[in-house]
Every structure is written in structure tokens, then in C-alpha cells.
C-alpha atoms as a PDB file:
ATOM      1  CA  UNK A   1      31.547 -38.066  16.558  1.00  0.00           C
ATOM      2  CA  UNK A   2      29.403 -36.619  13.765  1.00  0.00           C
ATOM      3  CA  UNK A   3      29.345 -32.824  13.936  1.00  0.00           C
ATOM      4  CA  UNK A   4      26.842 -32.801  11.072  1.00  0.00           C
ATOM      5  CA  UNK A   5      24.329 -34.057  13.663  1.00  0.00           C
ATOM      6  CA  UNK A   6      25.879 -33.069  16.966  1.00  0.00           C
ATOM      7  CA  UNK A   7      24.969 -35.181  19.980  1.00  0.00           C
ATOM      8  CA  UNK A   8      28.056 -34.451  22.076  1.00  0.00           C
ATOM      9  CA  UNK A   9      26.248 -33.112  25.141  1.00  0.00           C
ATOM     10  CA  UNK A  10      22.968 -33.825  26.967  1.00  0.00           C
ATOM     11  CA  UNK A  11      21.206 -31.210  24.838  1.00  0.00           C
ATOM     12  CA  UNK A  12      21.489 -33.537  21.821  1.00  0.00           C
ATOM     13  CA  UNK A  13      20.493 -30.589  19.667  1.00  0.00           C
ATOM     14  CA  UNK A  14      21.424 -32.369  16.422  1.00  0.00           C
ATOM     15  CA  UNK A  15      22.885 -29.214  14.880  1.00  0.00           C
ATOM     16  CA  UNK A  16      24.950 -29.385  11.714  1.00  0.00           C
ATOM     17  CA  UNK A  17      27.943 -27.545  13.086  1.00  0.00           C
ATOM     18  CA  UNK A  18      29.627 -27.417   9.675  1.00  0.00           C
ATOM     19  CA  UNK A  19      26.931 -25.095   8.356  1.00  0.00           C
ATOM     20  CA  UNK A  20      25.717 -23.473  11.584  1.00  0.00           C
ATOM     21  CA  UNK A  21      25.981 -23.558  15.347  1.00  0.00           C
ATOM     22  CA  UNK A  22      24.821 -25.839  18.119  1.00  0.00           C
ATOM     23  CA  UNK A  23      22.931 -24.849  21.259  1.00  0.00           C
ATOM     24  CA  UNK A  24      26.400 -24.209  22.707  1.00  0.00           C
ATOM     25  CA  UNK A  25      27.060 -21.524  20.096  1.00  0.00           C
ATOM     26  CA  UNK A  26      29.889 -23.527  18.569  1.00  0.00           C
ATOM     27  CA  UNK A  27      30.548 -24.460  14.966  1.00  0.00           C
ATOM     28  CA  UNK A  28      32.947 -27.098  13.693  1.00  0.00           C
ATOM     29  CA  UNK A  29      36.043 -24.919  14.183  1.00  0.00           C
ATOM     30  CA  UNK A  30      37.698 -24.559  17.569  1.00  0.00           C
ATOM     31  CA  UNK A  31      37.211 -21.130  19.115  1.00  0.00           C
ATOM     32  CA  UNK A  32      39.262 -20.058  22.120  1.00  0.00           C
ATOM     33  CA  UNK A  33      39.723 -16.829  24.055  1.00  0.00           C
ATOM     34  CA  UNK A  34      42.860 -17.189  26.165  1.00  0.00           C
ATOM     35  CA  UNK A  35      45.725 -19.581  26.902  1.00  0.00           C
ATOM     36  CA  UNK A  36      48.152 -18.798  29.707  1.00  0.00           C
ATOM     37  CA  UNK A  37      49.633 -19.862  33.044  1.00  0.00           C
ATOM     38  CA  UNK A  38      46.634 -19.527  35.349  1.00  0.00           C
ATOM     39  CA  UNK A  39      47.093 -19.143  39.123  1.00  0.00           C
ATOM     40  CA  UNK A  40      43.459 -19.161  40.246  1.00  0.00           C
ATOM     41  CA  UNK A  41      42.553 -22.841  40.200  1.00  0.00           C
ATOM     42  CA  UNK A  42      42.851 -25.189  43.188  1.00  0.00           C
ATOM     43  CA  UNK A  43      46.397 -25.229  44.715  1.00  0.00           C
ATOM     44  CA  UNK A  44      47.117 -28.788  43.574  1.00  0.00           C
ATOM     45  CA  UNK A  45      46.366 -27.690  39.993  1.00  0.00           C
ATOM     46  CA  UNK A  46      48.200 -24.374  39.710  1.00  0.00           C
ATOM     47  CA  UNK A  47      51.125 -25.270  42.004  1.00  0.00           C
ATOM     48  CA  UNK A  48      54.208 -23.042  41.732  1.00  0.00           C
ATOM     49  CA  UNK A  49      54.183 -22.328  37.994  1.00  0.00           C
ATOM     50  CA  UNK A  50      50.492 -22.238  37.129  1.00  0.00           C
ATOM     51  CA  UNK A  51      48.059 -24.378  35.184  1.00  0.00           C
ATOM     52  CA  UNK A  52      48.349 -24.263  31.397  1.00  0.00           C
ATOM     53  CA  UNK A  53      44.795 -23.071  30.980  1.00  0.00           C
ATOM     54  CA  UNK A  54      42.936 -22.831  27.683  1.00  0.00           C
ATOM     55  CA  UNK A  55      39.570 -21.036  27.813  1.00  0.00           C
ATOM     56  CA  UNK A  56      37.283 -22.269  25.029  1.00  0.00           C
ATOM     57  CA  UNK A  57      34.467 -20.122  23.654  1.00  0.00           C
ATOM     58  CA  UNK A  58      30.853 -21.274  23.832  1.00  0.00           C
ATOM     59  CA  UNK A  59      29.242 -23.530  26.416  1.00  0.00           C
ATOM     60  CA  UNK A  60      26.548 -26.179  26.565  1.00  0.00           C
ATOM     61  CA  UNK A  61      25.155 -24.579  29.731  1.00  0.00           C
ATOM     62  CA  UNK A  62      23.477 -21.190  30.000  1.00  0.00           C
ATOM     63  CA  UNK A  63      24.064 -20.167  33.598  1.00  0.00           C
ATOM     64  CA  UNK A  64      22.480 -16.815  34.326  1.00  0.00           C
ATOM     65  CA  UNK A  65      25.316 -15.986  36.754  1.00  0.00           C
ATOM     66  CA  UNK A  66      28.256 -17.085  34.581  1.00  0.00           C
ATOM     67  CA  UNK A  67      31.340 -15.040  35.427  1.00  0.00           C
ATOM     68  CA  UNK A  68      32.827 -15.935  32.026  1.00  0.00           C
ATOM     69  CA  UNK A  69      29.687 -14.967  30.086  1.00  0.00           C
ATOM     70  CA  UNK A  70      31.755 -12.886  27.687  1.00  0.00           C
ATOM     71  CA  UNK A  71      33.070 -16.093  26.138  1.00  0.00           C
ATOM     72  CA  UNK A  72      30.565 -18.728  27.273  1.00  0.00           C
ATOM     73  CA  UNK A  73      27.428 -16.893  26.137  1.00  0.00           C
ATOM     74  CA  UNK A  74      28.689 -14.071  23.917  1.00  0.00           C
ATOM     75  CA  UNK A  75      31.188 -16.407  22.223  1.00  0.00           C
ATOM     76  CA  UNK A  76      34.051 -13.937  21.917  1.00  0.00           C
ATOM     77  CA  UNK A  77      37.332 -15.516  20.873  1.00  0.00           C
ATOM     78  CA  UNK A  78      39.436 -16.567  17.899  1.00  0.00           C
ATOM     79  CA  UNK A  79      39.116 -19.532  15.566  1.00  0.00           C
ATOM     80  CA  UNK A  80      42.080 -21.901  15.576  1.00  0.00           C
ATOM     81  CA  UNK A  81      42.916 -25.246  13.995  1.00  0.00           C
ATOM     82  CA  UNK A  82      43.627 -28.498  15.889  1.00  0.00           C
ATOM     83  CA  UNK A  83      47.246 -28.048  14.787  1.00  0.00           C
ATOM     84  CA  UNK A  84      47.385 -24.626  16.454  1.00  0.00           C
ATOM     85  CA  UNK A  85      45.730 -26.016  19.583  1.00  0.00           C
ATOM     86  CA  UNK A  86      48.424 -28.701  19.749  1.00  0.00           C
ATOM     87  CA  UNK A  87      51.070 -25.981  19.461  1.00  0.00           C
ATOM     88  CA  UNK A  88      49.425 -24.069  22.313  1.00  0.00           C
ATOM     89  CA  UNK A  89      49.535 -27.167  24.525  1.00  0.00           C
ATOM     90  CA  UNK A  90      53.251 -27.617  23.850  1.00  0.00           C
ATOM     91  CA  UNK A  91      53.963 -23.894  24.326  1.00  0.00           C
ATOM     92  CA  UNK A  92      52.277 -23.980  27.741  1.00  0.00           C
ATOM     93  CA  UNK A  93      54.291 -27.053  28.687  1.00  0.00           C
ATOM     94  CA  UNK A  94      57.483 -25.253  27.608  1.00  0.00           C
ATOM     95  CA  UNK A  95      56.513 -22.309  29.843  1.00  0.00           C
ATOM     96  CA  UNK A  96      56.464 -24.668  32.838  1.00  0.00           C
ATOM     97  CA  UNK A  97      52.746 -25.413  33.172  1.00  0.00           C
ATOM     98  CA  UNK A  98      51.991 -28.221  35.601  1.00  0.00           C
ATOM     99  CA  UNK A  99      49.151 -29.444  33.378  1.00  0.00           C
ATOM    100  CA  UNK A 100      46.908 -28.552  30.461  1.00  0.00           C
ATOM    101  CA  UNK A 101      43.682 -27.185  31.932  1.00  0.00           C
ATOM    102  CA  UNK A 102      40.818 -27.321  29.406  1.00  0.00           C
ATOM    103  CA  UNK A 103      38.034 -24.921  30.456  1.00  0.00           C
ATOM    104  CA  UNK A 104      34.548 -25.525  28.985  1.00  0.00           C
ATOM    105  CA  UNK A 105      35.872 -28.130  26.531  1.00  0.00           C
ATOM    106  CA  UNK A 106      32.668 -30.120  25.972  1.00  0.00           C
ATOM    107  CA  UNK A 107      31.697 -28.798  22.503  1.00  0.00           C
ATOM    108  CA  UNK A 108      35.216 -29.463  21.202  1.00  0.00           C
ATOM    109  CA  UNK A 109      35.949 -32.988  22.447  1.00  0.00           C
ATOM    110  CA  UNK A 110      36.679 -34.457  18.971  1.00  0.00           C
ATOM    111  CA  UNK A 111      38.959 -31.547  18.049  1.00  0.00           C
ATOM    112  CA  UNK A 112      40.758 -31.700  21.415  1.00  0.00           C
ATOM    113  CA  UNK A 113      41.411 -35.407  20.916  1.00  0.00           C
ATOM    114  CA  UNK A 114      42.795 -34.613  17.478  1.00  0.00           C
ATOM    115  CA  UNK A 115      45.103 -31.969  18.951  1.00  0.00           C
ATOM    116  CA  UNK A 116      46.309 -34.350  21.666  1.00  0.00           C
ATOM    117  CA  UNK A 117      47.012 -36.993  19.035  1.00  0.00           C
ATOM    118  CA  UNK A 118      49.064 -34.420  17.094  1.00  0.00           C
ATOM    119  CA  UNK A 119      51.120 -33.727  20.241  1.00  0.00           C
ATOM    120  CA  UNK A 120      51.795 -37.422  20.683  1.00  0.00           C
ATOM    121  CA  UNK A 121      54.601 -38.208  23.095  1.00  0.00           C
ATOM    122  CA  UNK A 122      55.805 -34.598  23.170  1.00  0.00           C
ATOM    123  CA  UNK A 123      53.154 -33.694  25.746  1.00  0.00           C
ATOM    124  CA  UNK A 124      53.912 -35.339  29.073  1.00  0.00           C
ATOM    125  CA  UNK A 125      51.992 -33.289  31.651  1.00  0.00           C
ATOM    126  CA  UNK A 126      48.499 -34.188  32.933  1.00  0.00           C
ATOM    127  CA  UNK A 127      45.375 -33.176  31.016  1.00  0.00           C
ATOM    128  CA  UNK A 128      42.653 -31.567  33.147  1.00  0.00           C
ATOM    129  CA  UNK A 129      39.045 -31.583  31.893  1.00  0.00           C
ATOM    130  CA  UNK A 130      37.405 -28.542  33.534  1.00  0.00           C
ATOM    131  CA  UNK A 131      33.639 -28.733  32.999  1.00  0.00           C
ATOM    132  CA  UNK A 132      30.239 -27.581  34.226  1.00  0.00           C
ATOM    133  CA  UNK A 133      29.349 -31.231  34.806  1.00  0.00           C
ATOM    134  CA  UNK A 134      26.545 -31.367  32.231  1.00  0.00           C
ATOM    135  CA  UNK A 135      28.107 -34.188  30.250  1.00  0.00           C
ATOM    136  CA  UNK A 136      27.131 -37.334  28.396  1.00  0.00           C
ATOM    137  CA  UNK A 137      28.782 -40.526  29.584  1.00  0.00           C
ATOM    138  CA  UNK A 138      29.268 -41.553  25.943  1.00  0.00           C
ATOM    139  CA  UNK A 139      31.263 -38.388  25.220  1.00  0.00           C
ATOM    140  CA  UNK A 140      33.382 -38.850  28.332  1.00  0.00           C
ATOM    141  CA  UNK A 141      34.185 -42.384  27.217  1.00  0.00           C
ATOM    142  CA  UNK A 142      35.812 -40.890  24.120  1.00  0.00           C
ATOM    143  CA  UNK A 143      38.299 -39.204  26.469  1.00  0.00           C
ATOM    144  CA  UNK A 144      39.426 -42.331  28.280  1.00  0.00           C
ATOM    145  CA  UNK A 145      43.190 -42.522  28.096  1.00  0.00           C
ATOM    146  CA  UNK A 146      43.461 -38.833  27.217  1.00  0.00           C
ATOM    147  CA  UNK A 147      42.295 -37.111  30.412  1.00  0.00           C
ATOM    148  CA  UNK A 148      44.151 -37.572  33.696  1.00  0.00           C
ATOM    149  CA  UNK A 149      42.227 -35.234  35.986  1.00  0.00           C
ATOM    150  CA  UNK A 150      38.534 -34.396  35.865  1.00  0.00           C
ATOM    151  CA  UNK A 151      37.428 -31.092  37.398  1.00  0.00           C
ATOM    152  CA  UNK A 152      33.610 -31.066  37.153  1.00  0.00           C
ATOM    153  CA  UNK A 153      31.090 -28.778  38.761  1.00  0.00           C
ATOM    154  CA  UNK A 154      28.200 -30.280  40.644  1.00  0.00           C
ATOM    155  CA  UNK A 155      25.920 -27.281  40.564  1.00  0.00           C
ATOM    156  CA  UNK A 156      22.470 -28.380  41.723  1.00  0.00           C
ATOM    157  CA  UNK A 157      20.723 -31.212  43.514  1.00  0.00           C
ATOM    158  CA  UNK A 158      17.224 -29.902  42.763  1.00  0.00           C
ATOM    159  CA  UNK A 159      16.577 -30.152  39.022  1.00  0.00           C
ATOM    160  CA  UNK A 160      14.217 -27.187  39.206  1.00  0.00           C
ATOM    161  CA  UNK A 161      17.230 -25.019  40.041  1.00  0.00           C
ATOM    162  CA  UNK A 162      19.162 -26.428  37.102  1.00  0.00           C
ATOM    163  CA  UNK A 163      16.316 -25.506  34.787  1.00  0.00           C
ATOM    164  CA  UNK A 164      15.793 -22.080  36.359  1.00  0.00           C
ATOM    165  CA  UNK A 165      19.383 -20.867  36.488  1.00  0.00           C
ATOM    166  CA  UNK A 166      21.131 -22.856  33.732  1.00  0.00           C
ATOM    167  CA  UNK A 167      18.347 -23.993  31.376  1.00  0.00           C
ATOM    168  CA  UNK A 168      19.628 -27.508  32.074  1.00  0.00           C
ATOM    169  CA  UNK A 169      16.890 -30.072  32.577  1.00  0.00           C
ATOM    170  CA  UNK A 170      17.615 -33.215  34.601  1.00  0.00           C
ATOM    171  CA  UNK A 171      20.901 -31.660  35.723  1.00  0.00           C
ATOM    172  CA  UNK A 172      21.561 -33.720  38.841  1.00  0.00           C
ATOM    173  CA  UNK A 173      20.937 -37.137  37.281  1.00  0.00           C
ATOM    174  CA  UNK A 174      23.016 -36.183  34.249  1.00  0.00           C
ATOM    175  CA  UNK A 175      25.931 -34.710  36.202  1.00  0.00           C
ATOM    176  CA  UNK A 176      25.963 -37.458  38.829  1.00  0.00           C
ATOM    177  CA  UNK A 177      26.243 -40.182  36.184  1.00  0.00           C
ATOM    178  CA  UNK A 178      28.948 -38.184  34.416  1.00  0.00           C
ATOM    179  CA  UNK A 179      30.996 -37.758  37.586  1.00  0.00           C
ATOM    180  CA  UNK A 180      30.758 -41.468  38.340  1.00  0.00           C
ATOM    181  CA  UNK A 181      32.183 -42.132  34.860  1.00  0.00           C
ATOM    182  CA  UNK A 182      34.966 -39.632  35.504  1.00  0.00           C
ATOM    183  CA  UNK A 183      35.847 -41.454  38.721  1.00  0.00           C
ATOM    184  CA  UNK A 184      35.778 -44.807  36.922  1.00  0.00           C
ATOM    185  CA  UNK A 185      38.341 -43.500  34.452  1.00  0.00           C
ATOM    186  CA  UNK A 186      40.614 -41.448  36.702  1.00  0.00           C
ATOM    187  CA  UNK A 187      40.377 -43.436  39.925  1.00  0.00           C
ATOM    188  CA  UNK A 188      41.376 -42.160  43.383  1.00  0.00           C
ATOM    189  CA  UNK A 189      43.179 -38.849  43.638  1.00  0.00           C
ATOM    190  CA  UNK A 190      46.947 -39.101  43.204  1.00  0.00           C
ATOM    191  CA  UNK A 191      49.069 -36.116  44.253  1.00  0.00           C
ATOM    192  CA  UNK A 192      52.856 -35.910  43.885  1.00  0.00           C
ATOM    193  CA  UNK A 193      54.919 -33.001  45.241  1.00  0.00           C
ATOM    194  CA  UNK A 194      51.719 -31.061  45.812  1.00  0.00           C
ATOM    195  CA  UNK A 195      50.476 -31.419  42.209  1.00  0.00           C
ATOM    196  CA  UNK A 196      47.545 -33.603  41.188  1.00  0.00           C
ATOM    197  CA  UNK A 197      48.437 -36.257  38.621  1.00  0.00           C
ATOM    198  CA  UNK A 198      45.228 -38.326  38.507  1.00  0.00           C
ATOM    199  CA  UNK A 199      41.750 -38.193  39.959  1.00  0.00           C
ATOM    200  CA  UNK A 200      38.597 -36.121  40.346  1.00  0.00           C
ATOM    201  CA  UNK A 201      38.031 -32.809  42.091  1.00  0.00           C
ATOM    202  CA  UNK A 202      34.329 -31.982  42.399  1.00  0.00           C
ATOM    203  CA  UNK A 203      33.625 -28.274  42.509  1.00  0.00           C
ATOM    204  CA  UNK A 204      30.527 -26.776  44.037  1.00  0.00           C
ATOM    205  CA  UNK A 205      29.796 -23.064  43.816  1.00  0.00           C
ATOM    206  CA  UNK A 206      27.632 -22.194  46.801  1.00  0.00           C
ATOM    207  CA  UNK A 207      24.721 -19.977  45.736  1.00  0.00           C
ATOM    208  CA  UNK A 208      23.008 -17.493  48.034  1.00  0.00           C
ATOM    209  CA  UNK A 209      19.653 -18.630  49.434  1.00  0.00           C
ATOM    210  CA  UNK A 210      20.305 -22.295  48.554  1.00  0.00           C
ATOM    211  CA  UNK A 211      22.475 -23.726  51.325  1.00  0.00           C
ATOM    212  CA  UNK A 212      20.225 -26.745  51.823  1.00  0.00           C
ATOM    213  CA  UNK A 213      20.537 -27.703  48.156  1.00  0.00           C
ATOM    214  CA  UNK A 214      24.309 -27.418  48.547  1.00  0.00           C
ATOM    215  CA  UNK A 215      24.127 -29.569  51.662  1.00  0.00           C
ATOM    216  CA  UNK A 216      22.413 -32.360  49.685  1.00  0.00           C
ATOM    217  CA  UNK A 217      25.214 -32.264  47.117  1.00  0.00           C
ATOM    218  CA  UNK A 218      27.832 -32.665  49.846  1.00  0.00           C
ATOM    219  CA  UNK A 219      25.846 -35.569  51.282  1.00  0.00           C
ATOM    220  CA  UNK A 220      25.662 -37.185  47.839  1.00  0.00           C
ATOM    221  CA  UNK A 221      29.424 -36.943  47.373  1.00  0.00           C
ATOM    222  CA  UNK A 222      30.101 -38.413  50.817  1.00  0.00           C
ATOM    223  CA  UNK A 223      27.660 -41.254  50.206  1.00  0.00           C
ATOM    224  CA  UNK A 224      28.859 -42.071  46.677  1.00  0.00           C
ATOM    225  CA  UNK A 225      32.671 -42.171  46.768  1.00  0.00           C
ATOM    226  CA  UNK A 226      35.096 -43.830  49.197  1.00  0.00           C
ATOM    227  CA  UNK A 227      36.490 -41.423  51.765  1.00  0.00           C
ATOM    228  CA  UNK A 228      39.354 -39.301  50.395  1.00  0.00           C
ATOM    229  CA  UNK A 229      39.131 -40.849  46.908  1.00  0.00           C
ATOM    230  CA  UNK A 230      37.829 -37.571  45.454  1.00  0.00           C
ATOM    231  CA  UNK A 231      38.507 -34.016  46.536  1.00  0.00           C
ATOM    232  CA  UNK A 232      35.819 -31.373  47.016  1.00  0.00           C
ATOM    233  CA  UNK A 233      36.320 -27.717  46.170  1.00  0.00           C
ATOM    234  CA  UNK A 234      33.678 -25.704  48.011  1.00  0.00           C
ATOM    235  CA  UNK A 235      33.641 -22.281  46.405  1.00  0.00           C
ATOM    236  CA  UNK A 236      32.405 -18.999  47.853  1.00  0.00           C
ATOM    237  CA  UNK A 237      33.335 -16.842  44.847  1.00  0.00           C
ATOM    238  CA  UNK A 238      29.766 -16.250  43.655  1.00  0.00           C
ATOM    239  CA  UNK A 239      28.915 -12.658  42.897  1.00  0.00           C
ATOM    240  CA  UNK A 240      25.927 -11.470  40.839  1.00  0.00           C
ATOM    241  CA  UNK A 241      26.712 -10.791  37.183  1.00  0.00           C
ATOM    242  CA  UNK A 242      25.106 -11.180  33.766  1.00  0.00           C
ATOM    243  CA  UNK A 243      21.428 -12.162  34.162  1.00  0.00           C
ATOM    244  CA  UNK A 244      21.520 -13.170  37.824  1.00  0.00           C
ATOM    245  CA  UNK A 245      19.800  -9.901  38.762  1.00  0.00           C
ATOM    246  CA  UNK A 246      16.616 -11.285  37.206  1.00  0.00           C
ATOM    247  CA  UNK A 247      16.389 -13.579  40.272  1.00  0.00           C
ATOM    248  CA  UNK A 248      16.173 -11.669  43.541  1.00  0.00           C
ATOM    249  CA  UNK A 249      17.269 -14.618  45.674  1.00  0.00           C
ATOM    250  CA  UNK A 250      20.675 -14.827  43.958  1.00  0.00           C
ATOM    251  CA  UNK A 251      21.229 -11.116  43.336  1.00  0.00           C
ATOM    252  CA  UNK A 252      23.728 -10.875  46.221  1.00  0.00           C
ATOM    253  CA  UNK A 253      26.912 -12.549  47.403  1.00  0.00           C
ATOM    254  CA  UNK A 254      26.721 -15.589  49.653  1.00  0.00           C
ATOM    255  CA  UNK A 255      26.736 -14.696  53.336  1.00  0.00           C
ATOM    256  CA  UNK A 256      29.360 -15.757  55.884  1.00  0.00           C
ATOM    257  CA  UNK A 257      26.666 -17.731  57.708  1.00  0.00           C
ATOM    258  CA  UNK A 258      25.709 -19.654  54.563  1.00  0.00           C
ATOM    259  CA  UNK A 259      29.280 -20.523  53.669  1.00  0.00           C
ATOM    260  CA  UNK A 260      30.284 -21.486  57.212  1.00  0.00           C
ATOM    261  CA  UNK A 261      27.207 -23.714  57.412  1.00  0.00           C
ATOM    262  CA  UNK A 262      28.488 -25.630  54.376  1.00  0.00           C
ATOM    263  CA  UNK A 263      32.071 -25.772  55.638  1.00  0.00           C
ATOM    264  CA  UNK A 264      30.845 -27.282  58.894  1.00  0.00           C
ATOM    265  CA  UNK A 265      28.686 -29.810  57.044  1.00  0.00           C
ATOM    266  CA  UNK A 266      31.573 -30.821  54.780  1.00  0.00           C
ATOM    267  CA  UNK A 267      33.742 -31.401  57.860  1.00  0.00           C
ATOM    268  CA  UNK A 268      30.998 -33.464  59.528  1.00  0.00           C
ATOM    269  CA  UNK A 269      30.790 -35.633  56.403  1.00  0.00           C
ATOM    270  CA  UNK A 270      34.548 -36.202  56.360  1.00  0.00           C
ATOM    271  CA  UNK A 271      35.052 -34.552  52.962  1.00  0.00           C
ATOM    272  CA  UNK A 272      38.561 -33.516  52.018  1.00  0.00           C
ATOM    273  CA  UNK A 273      39.533 -30.702  49.667  1.00  0.00           C
ATOM    274  CA  UNK A 274      39.551 -26.923  49.426  1.00  0.00           C
ATOM    275  CA  UNK A 275      37.691 -23.880  50.671  1.00  0.00           C
ATOM    276  CA  UNK A 276      37.937 -20.286  49.433  1.00  0.00           C
ATOM    277  CA  UNK A 277      38.520 -16.978  51.121  1.00  0.00           C
ATOM    278  CA  UNK A 278      35.379 -14.853  50.967  1.00  0.00           C
ATOM    279  CA  UNK A 279      37.475 -12.169  49.249  1.00  0.00           C
ATOM    280  CA  UNK A 280      37.479 -14.312  46.095  1.00  0.00           C
ATOM    281  CA  UNK A 281      33.918 -13.152  45.380  1.00  0.00           C
ATOM    282  CA  UNK A 282      35.108 -10.238  43.305  1.00  0.00           C
ATOM    283  CA  UNK A 283      35.152  -9.553  39.579  1.00  0.00           C
ATOM    284  CA  UNK A 284      38.905  -8.891  39.654  1.00  0.00           C
ATOM    285  CA  UNK A 285      39.480 -12.658  39.796  1.00  0.00           C
ATOM    286  CA  UNK A 286      37.792 -13.145  36.429  1.00  0.00           C
ATOM    287  CA  UNK A 287      40.446 -13.102  33.680  1.00  0.00           C
ATOM    288  CA  UNK A 288      40.453 -10.683  30.783  1.00  0.00           C
ATOM    289  CA  UNK A 289      39.716 -12.656  27.634  1.00  0.00           C
ATOM    290  CA  UNK A 290      42.201 -10.768  25.491  1.00  0.00           C
ATOM    291  CA  UNK A 291      43.320 -13.660  23.240  1.00  0.00           C
ATOM    292  CA  UNK A 292      46.609 -14.044  25.120  1.00  0.00           C
ATOM    293  CA  UNK A 293      48.455 -17.111  23.878  1.00  0.00           C
ATOM    294  CA  UNK A 294      45.938 -17.981  21.140  1.00  0.00           C
END
């Protein structure tokens, strides 16, 4: 992939990332903010020991409510080489990580592939691609054979919401095609001893005031994939941060009524997966991006 004319994500901004930055805020060097054993993913990902999570800096989405805005929008972090990234992967494996959990990896797909190639046969735990869902199928195809588990968001059904809250035009069509490609690669969910080894977990963060948009997403998942082939993670952890206060309708936490409505609908549709305690909607569950492990 040519980073002199970057077309890695649906933005296709064409930036020369060797001399500047893309829409994502990323140059040609890898920038990361934290790497550690993370216990706040889905249970089948963090297990007993934790996920070996690497938080990358920059993002191809611009969500006004991003809880990780310090790194996704403000781009705090440290520059590292592919060789150092490979070392981090192996260090996390040595610490007992159940997998390598790549958070917001989209701008760095070529460099991540390089790091995985450097690891070679030394890395034998699953690779998890943890993404906002705004992906190009062509970029995902580069990852075939490298990624074992895809963990995409499906944020919006109504494209007007994608544009309003994430500056992401045509979000649903783009993300839905991407998730279908992820499923083609990873296949049905495979869990061994409580830990996911292959498959797709589709996350949806329920937003206040938009339960009917969330309902359409659940209906799309149920109508698109064979029953129990993918897992759904229905998240209630939304709390207003960053620029979300510019939109009155999302300047509060989701209500119990709204979340229970979606839980009931997911059950009616026969979807399998995870729910969250309402107490997760607190800032204390957002990690400190203090360069641990980088």
C-alpha cells in the first residue's frame, strides 16, 4: 500500500504520509499510546490473564463522543518502529496475553503486517482487529491470514447520524460491506476454554435518543448472518465527553429504558453475545494513555 498517496480507509484522502499526515492524523511512522494486559474487553477476549492490547494513536473516524479522544483525535503517543511493535507483541505474549488486541489499527495496516511478519512463528496467539468499522474491503483483504478475530463497531444505520456524529459519510453501507468481508475471512465464532480463537464480534454502542436506529442495526445483524455465527456486544458504556455536548440529544447517558428496550429486541431476534452493566458508563473505565509498555 502506497503511503505516498494513502487510500487505506474510506476517506481516500490521498495524503503523502511520508511528508505530512492523513485525515487520520497519522504519518508513515507507527504511533502508539499504551500496550498492556487489558481486562475491559468482552470476557471471551480478556479471559483470565487479559488481552494484549495495543492502543494506536490517530483514527480515521472523528466521533464527537470518543472516550479515547486523547489519542484518537489529539494524537498523543510515541513513535515506534515495526521492529519495536513486533517486540511489544512478543512481550505481551510472554506476559500471558490471550491474544494481541489491536485498537484503532486502520491507519497502520501495512506496518502491522510488517511487524507480524517480523514475529514469524514466535507469535502463536490470536490477532484481534479492533476497529470502528469504517473500513475498506480492499484494506481488510490485505489482512487475510494475519487476523483471527475481528472486533468491529457497527455504529449507525442512518447515514445522517454517521455524518453528524463521526463525520463519516455512507457509514452503514461501508461498515456493512466491511463486516461481511470480516466474516468471510474469519468464519463462524470458535471459542475454546472460554477464549475466542476465530470469528467476528460486532459491537454496538447504544446512544441516547437513538434506540430505533440501534434496533435497525440489530435487525440487520440477525438478517445477515446465520444464527450464532457471530457474537453481538451491546454496550451501554456511553457517557458524554469531548464534543458530544454540542448535541443536546446525546449529552446524557443512555437510560435504563433505552438499554432494556435493546436487550429485549436482541433476545427476540435470537442474537447471542454480551451485555454491559450500566455502571460501565463511567470515565474510570477509560485507560490512562501513559505510554505503558511502548
